[in-house]
Amino acid sequence: MNPKMKSMLAHLTPVGWLIALVLNKIRKDSLTSFYLRQLLGLYLCFFVFRFVPEYYVVAWGFLFIFWIYSFVGTIKGMENEIPLAGAYFQKWFSQLS
């Protein structure tokens, strides 16, 4: 599976993310590793904001926009960092590469 397809698979669901992680362990590539780190941070943010009812709708709206931004980057084959937190996700989850 090519890097673009693995990255798109990671965007679909957390289960798709896990499948992409396993596929990337078999044959590593930088694009998939980049988006695995970005999406792990994004999925964790989605999970955390589930428990903050005051900001739930607004936070999910922003996170969805960031998800779309990331997915478009995957389609183009470019490494688009998620605004505000993407650089942190790359640093925090650097073990995934």
N, C-alpha and C. Protein backbone atom coordinates (compact mmCIF):
# COMPACT_ATOMS: atom_id res chain seq x y z
N MET A 1 0.86 -1.18 0.00
CA MET A 1 0.00 0.00 0.00
C MET A 1 0.90 1.24 0.00
N ASN A 2 0.58 2.21 -0.82
CA ASN A 2 1.42 3.40 -0.91
C ASN A 2 1.19 4.34 0.28
N PRO A 3 2.12 5.25 0.54
CA PRO A 3 2.03 6.13 1.70
C PRO A 3 0.76 6.97 1.75
N LYS A 4 0.32 7.44 0.60
CA LYS A 4 -0.88 8.27 0.56
C LYS A 4 -2.11 7.48 1.02
N MET A 5 -2.22 6.25 0.56
CA MET A 5 -3.36 5.40 0.93
C MET A 5 -3.32 5.06 2.42
N LYS A 6 -2.14 4.77 2.95
CA LYS A 6 -2.04 4.48 4.39
C LYS A 6 -2.43 5.70 5.21
N SER A 7 -2.03 6.88 4.76
CA SER A 7 -2.38 8.11 5.48
C SER A 7 -3.87 8.38 5.42
N MET A 8 -4.49 8.12 4.27
CA MET A 8 -5.94 8.30 4.15
C MET A 8 -6.67 7.30 5.04
N LEU A 9 -6.19 6.08 5.11
CA LEU A 9 -6.79 5.06 5.97
C LEU A 9 -6.73 5.50 7.43
N ALA A 10 -5.64 6.10 7.83
CA ALA A 10 -5.50 6.58 9.21
C ALA A 10 -6.52 7.66 9.54
N HIS A 11 -6.93 8.42 8.54
CA HIS A 11 -7.90 9.50 8.77
C HIS A 11 -9.33 8.99 8.96
N LEU A 12 -9.63 7.81 8.48
CA LEU A 12 -11.03 7.37 8.47
C LEU A 12 -11.62 7.16 9.86
N THR A 13 -10.97 6.36 10.68
CA THR A 13 -11.44 6.09 12.05
C THR A 13 -10.23 5.74 12.90
N PRO A 14 -10.41 5.70 14.21
CA PRO A 14 -9.30 5.22 15.05
C PRO A 14 -8.88 3.78 14.71
N VAL A 15 -9.81 2.96 14.28
CA VAL A 15 -9.46 1.60 13.86
C VAL A 15 -8.60 1.66 12.59
N GLY A 16 -8.97 2.53 11.66
CA GLY A 16 -8.15 2.74 10.46
C GLY A 16 -6.77 3.25 10.83
N TRP A 17 -6.70 4.07 11.86
CA TRP A 17 -5.41 4.58 12.34
C TRP A 17 -4.54 3.41 12.81
N LEU A 18 -5.14 2.48 13.56
CA LEU A 18 -4.39 1.32 14.04
C LEU A 18 -3.89 0.44 12.89
N ILE A 19 -4.74 0.25 11.91
CA ILE A 19 -4.34 -0.55 10.74
C ILE A 19 -3.18 0.14 10.01
N ALA A 20 -3.28 1.45 9.84
CA ALA A 20 -2.21 2.20 9.18
C ALA A 20 -0.91 2.12 10.00
N LEU A 21 -1.03 2.12 11.32
CA LEU A 21 0.14 1.99 12.18
C LEU A 21 0.84 0.66 11.95
N VAL A 22 0.07 -0.42 11.91
CA VAL A 22 0.64 -1.74 11.67
C VAL A 22 1.27 -1.81 10.28
N LEU A 23 0.58 -1.29 9.27
CA LEU A 23 1.13 -1.29 7.92
C LEU A 23 2.40 -0.45 7.84
N ASN A 24 2.45 0.63 8.60
CA ASN A 24 3.64 1.49 8.59
C ASN A 24 4.81 0.83 9.32
N LYS A 25 4.52 -0.04 10.28
CA LYS A 25 5.61 -0.78 10.96
C LYS A 25 6.26 -1.77 9.99
N ILE A 26 5.46 -2.31 9.07
CA ILE A 26 5.98 -3.26 8.10
C ILE A 26 6.86 -2.55 7.07
N ARG A 27 6.36 -1.44 6.53
CA ARG A 27 7.12 -0.66 5.56
C ARG A 27 6.96 0.81 5.91
N LYS A 28 7.97 1.36 6.57
CA LYS A 28 7.90 2.75 7.04
C LYS A 28 8.05 3.74 5.91
N ASP A 29 7.31 4.83 6.05
CA ASP A 29 7.50 5.97 5.17
C ASP A 29 7.19 7.23 5.96
N SER A 30 7.79 8.32 5.57
CA SER A 30 7.71 9.55 6.36
C SER A 30 6.32 10.18 6.32
N LEU A 31 5.61 10.11 5.20
CA LEU A 31 4.29 10.72 5.11
C LEU A 31 3.31 10.06 6.07
N THR A 32 3.28 8.74 6.08
CA THR A 32 2.37 8.03 6.98
C THR A 32 2.77 8.27 8.43
N SER A 33 4.05 8.24 8.73
CA SER A 33 4.50 8.49 10.10
C SER A 33 4.08 9.88 10.56
N PHE A 34 4.22 10.86 9.67
CA PHE A 34 3.82 12.23 9.99
C PHE A 34 2.34 12.28 10.36
N TYR A 35 1.49 11.68 9.52
CA TYR A 35 0.04 11.76 9.77
C TYR A 35 -0.40 10.85 10.92
N LEU A 36 0.31 9.80 11.20
CA LEU A 36 -0.01 9.00 12.38
C LEU A 36 0.18 9.83 13.65
N ARG A 37 1.25 10.62 13.70
CA ARG A 37 1.48 11.48 14.86
C ARG A 37 0.43 12.59 14.95
N GLN A 38 0.13 13.21 13.81
CA GLN A 38 -0.87 14.28 13.80
C GLN A 38 -2.23 13.76 14.26
N LEU A 39 -2.62 12.62 13.74
CA LEU A 39 -3.95 12.10 14.04
C LEU A 39 -4.06 11.54 15.44
N LEU A 40 -2.98 11.00 15.97
CA LEU A 40 -3.03 10.55 17.36
C LEU A 40 -3.36 11.73 18.26
N GLY A 41 -2.71 12.85 18.06
CA GLY A 41 -3.00 14.05 18.83
C GLY A 41 -4.42 14.54 18.61
N LEU A 42 -4.86 14.52 17.39
CA LEU A 42 -6.22 14.97 17.07
C LEU A 42 -7.27 14.06 17.68
N TYR A 43 -7.08 12.75 17.58
CA TYR A 43 -8.03 11.81 18.17
C TYR A 43 -8.06 11.94 19.69
N LEU A 44 -6.91 12.18 20.31
CA LEU A 44 -6.89 12.39 21.76
C LEU A 44 -7.64 13.67 22.15
N CYS A 45 -7.51 14.70 21.33
CA CYS A 45 -8.25 15.94 21.59
C CYS A 45 -9.76 15.70 21.45
N PHE A 46 -10.17 14.96 20.42
CA PHE A 46 -11.59 14.62 20.28
C PHE A 46 -12.08 13.90 21.53
N PHE A 47 -11.28 12.97 22.03
CA PHE A 47 -11.66 12.19 23.21
C PHE A 47 -11.78 13.08 24.45
N VAL A 48 -10.80 13.93 24.68
CA VAL A 48 -10.80 14.80 25.87
C VAL A 48 -11.97 15.77 25.85
N PHE A 49 -12.24 16.37 24.70
CA PHE A 49 -13.32 17.37 24.64
C PHE A 49 -14.71 16.75 24.72
N ARG A 50 -14.80 15.44 24.67
CA ARG A 50 -16.08 14.77 24.92
C ARG A 50 -16.56 15.05 26.34
N PHE A 51 -15.63 15.25 27.26
CA PHE A 51 -15.95 15.39 28.67
C PHE A 51 -16.02 16.83 29.15
N VAL A 52 -15.98 17.78 28.22
CA VAL A 52 -16.07 19.20 28.56
C VAL A 52 -17.33 19.76 27.91
N PRO A 53 -18.48 19.63 28.58
CA PRO A 53 -19.74 19.99 27.94
C PRO A 53 -19.87 21.46 27.55
N GLU A 54 -19.19 22.37 28.26
CA GLU A 54 -19.30 23.80 27.95
C GLU A 54 -18.73 24.14 26.59
N TYR A 55 -17.70 23.42 26.19
CA TYR A 55 -17.00 23.74 24.94
C TYR A 55 -17.15 22.64 23.90
N TYR A 56 -17.99 21.69 24.15
CA TYR A 56 -18.11 20.50 23.31
C TYR A 56 -18.33 20.84 21.85
N VAL A 57 -19.35 21.60 21.53
CA VAL A 57 -19.70 21.87 20.13
C VAL A 57 -18.64 22.72 19.45
N VAL A 58 -18.17 23.75 20.12
CA VAL A 58 -17.16 24.64 19.52
C VAL A 58 -15.85 23.88 19.31
N ALA A 59 -15.43 23.13 20.31
CA ALA A 59 -14.17 22.39 20.20
C ALA A 59 -14.25 21.35 19.08
N TRP A 60 -15.36 20.62 19.02
CA TRP A 60 -15.50 19.62 17.97
C TRP A 60 -15.54 20.27 16.59
N GLY A 61 -16.13 21.45 16.49
CA GLY A 61 -16.14 22.16 15.22
C GLY A 61 -14.73 22.48 14.75
N PHE A 62 -13.91 23.03 15.67
CA PHE A 62 -12.52 23.34 15.33
C PHE A 62 -11.74 22.07 15.00
N LEU A 63 -11.92 21.03 15.80
CA LEU A 63 -11.20 19.79 15.56
C LEU A 63 -11.59 19.16 14.23
N PHE A 64 -12.86 19.28 13.86
CA PHE A 64 -13.30 18.75 12.57
C PHE A 64 -12.66 19.53 11.42
N ILE A 65 -12.58 20.83 11.57
CA ILE A 65 -11.92 21.66 10.55
C ILE A 65 -10.44 21.27 10.44
N PHE A 66 -9.77 21.04 11.58
CA PHE A 66 -8.37 20.61 11.57
C PHE A 66 -8.24 19.23 10.90
N TRP A 67 -9.22 18.35 11.15
CA TRP A 67 -9.21 17.01 10.53
C TRP A 67 -9.31 17.15 9.01
N ILE A 68 -10.20 18.01 8.55
CA ILE A 68 -10.35 18.23 7.10
C ILE A 68 -9.06 18.79 6.51
N TYR A 69 -8.46 19.76 7.20
CA TYR A 69 -7.19 20.35 6.75
C TYR A 69 -6.12 19.26 6.62
N SER A 70 -6.08 18.37 7.59
CA SER A 70 -5.11 17.28 7.57
C SER A 70 -5.41 16.31 6.43
N PHE A 71 -6.66 15.98 6.23
CA PHE A 71 -7.05 15.05 5.18
C PHE A 71 -6.73 15.60 3.79
N VAL A 72 -6.96 16.88 3.59
CA VAL A 72 -6.63 17.51 2.31
C VAL A 72 -5.12 17.45 2.07
N GLY A 73 -4.33 17.66 3.11
CA GLY A 73 -2.88 17.52 2.99
C GLY A 73 -2.48 16.12 2.58
N THR A 74 -3.18 15.13 3.13
CA THR A 74 -2.90 13.74 2.76
C THR A 74 -3.21 13.49 1.29
N ILE A 75 -4.34 13.98 0.85
CA ILE A 75 -4.74 13.80 -0.56
C ILE A 75 -3.70 14.42 -1.49
N LYS A 76 -3.18 15.58 -1.10
CA LYS A 76 -2.17 16.25 -1.92
C LYS A 76 -0.78 15.64 -1.77
N GLY A 77 -0.59 14.78 -0.76
CA GLY A 77 0.72 14.18 -0.51
C GLY A 77 1.68 15.12 0.18
N MET A 78 1.14 16.13 0.87
CA MET A 78 1.96 17.13 1.58
C MET A 78 1.84 16.92 3.09
N GLU A 79 2.86 17.29 3.82
CA GLU A 79 2.83 17.18 5.28
C GLU A 79 2.33 18.50 5.86
N ASN A 80 1.01 18.62 6.03
CA ASN A 80 0.40 19.82 6.60
C ASN A 80 0.23 19.65 8.10
N GLU A 81 0.96 20.45 8.87
CA GLU A 81 0.78 20.39 10.32
C GLU A 81 -0.55 21.01 10.70
N ILE A 82 -1.21 20.40 11.67
CA ILE A 82 -2.46 20.94 12.18
C ILE A 82 -2.15 22.27 12.86
N PRO A 83 -2.93 23.32 12.57
CA PRO A 83 -2.67 24.62 13.20
C PRO A 83 -2.72 24.53 14.73
N LEU A 84 -1.91 25.33 15.35
CA LEU A 84 -1.81 25.48 16.81
C LEU A 84 -1.09 24.34 17.51
N ALA A 85 -1.38 23.09 17.19
CA ALA A 85 -0.84 21.98 17.97
C ALA A 85 -0.02 20.99 17.16
N GLY A 86 -0.01 21.10 15.86
CA GLY A 86 0.67 20.11 15.02
C GLY A 86 2.13 19.91 15.35
N ALA A 87 2.85 20.98 15.60
CA ALA A 87 4.28 20.87 15.94
C ALA A 87 4.46 20.12 17.26
N TYR A 88 3.56 20.37 18.21
CA TYR A 88 3.62 19.66 19.49
C TYR A 88 3.34 18.18 19.30
N PHE A 89 2.35 17.86 18.47
CA PHE A 89 2.04 16.45 18.21
C PHE A 89 3.25 15.74 17.62
N GLN A 90 3.96 16.40 16.71
CA GLN A 90 5.14 15.81 16.09
C GLN A 90 6.22 15.52 17.13
N LYS A 91 6.38 16.44 18.07
CA LYS A 91 7.41 16.29 19.10
C LYS A 91 6.99 15.24 20.14
N TRP A 92 5.76 15.35 20.64
CA TRP A 92 5.28 14.45 21.69
C TRP A 92 5.21 12.99 21.26
N PHE A 93 4.83 12.76 20.01
CA PHE A 93 4.64 11.40 19.53
C PHE A 93 5.73 10.96 18.55
N SER A 94 6.92 11.49 18.73
CA SER A 94 8.01 11.20 17.80
C SER A 94 8.40 9.72 17.80
N GLN A 95 8.03 8.97 18.82
CA GLN A 95 8.36 7.54 18.88
C GLN A 95 7.60 6.74 17.82
N LEU A 96 6.54 7.30 17.25
CA LEU A 96 5.76 6.59 16.24
C LEU A 96 6.43 6.53 14.89
N SER A 97 7.52 7.24 14.69
CA SER A 97 8.14 7.25 13.36
C SER A 97 9.01 6.05 13.12
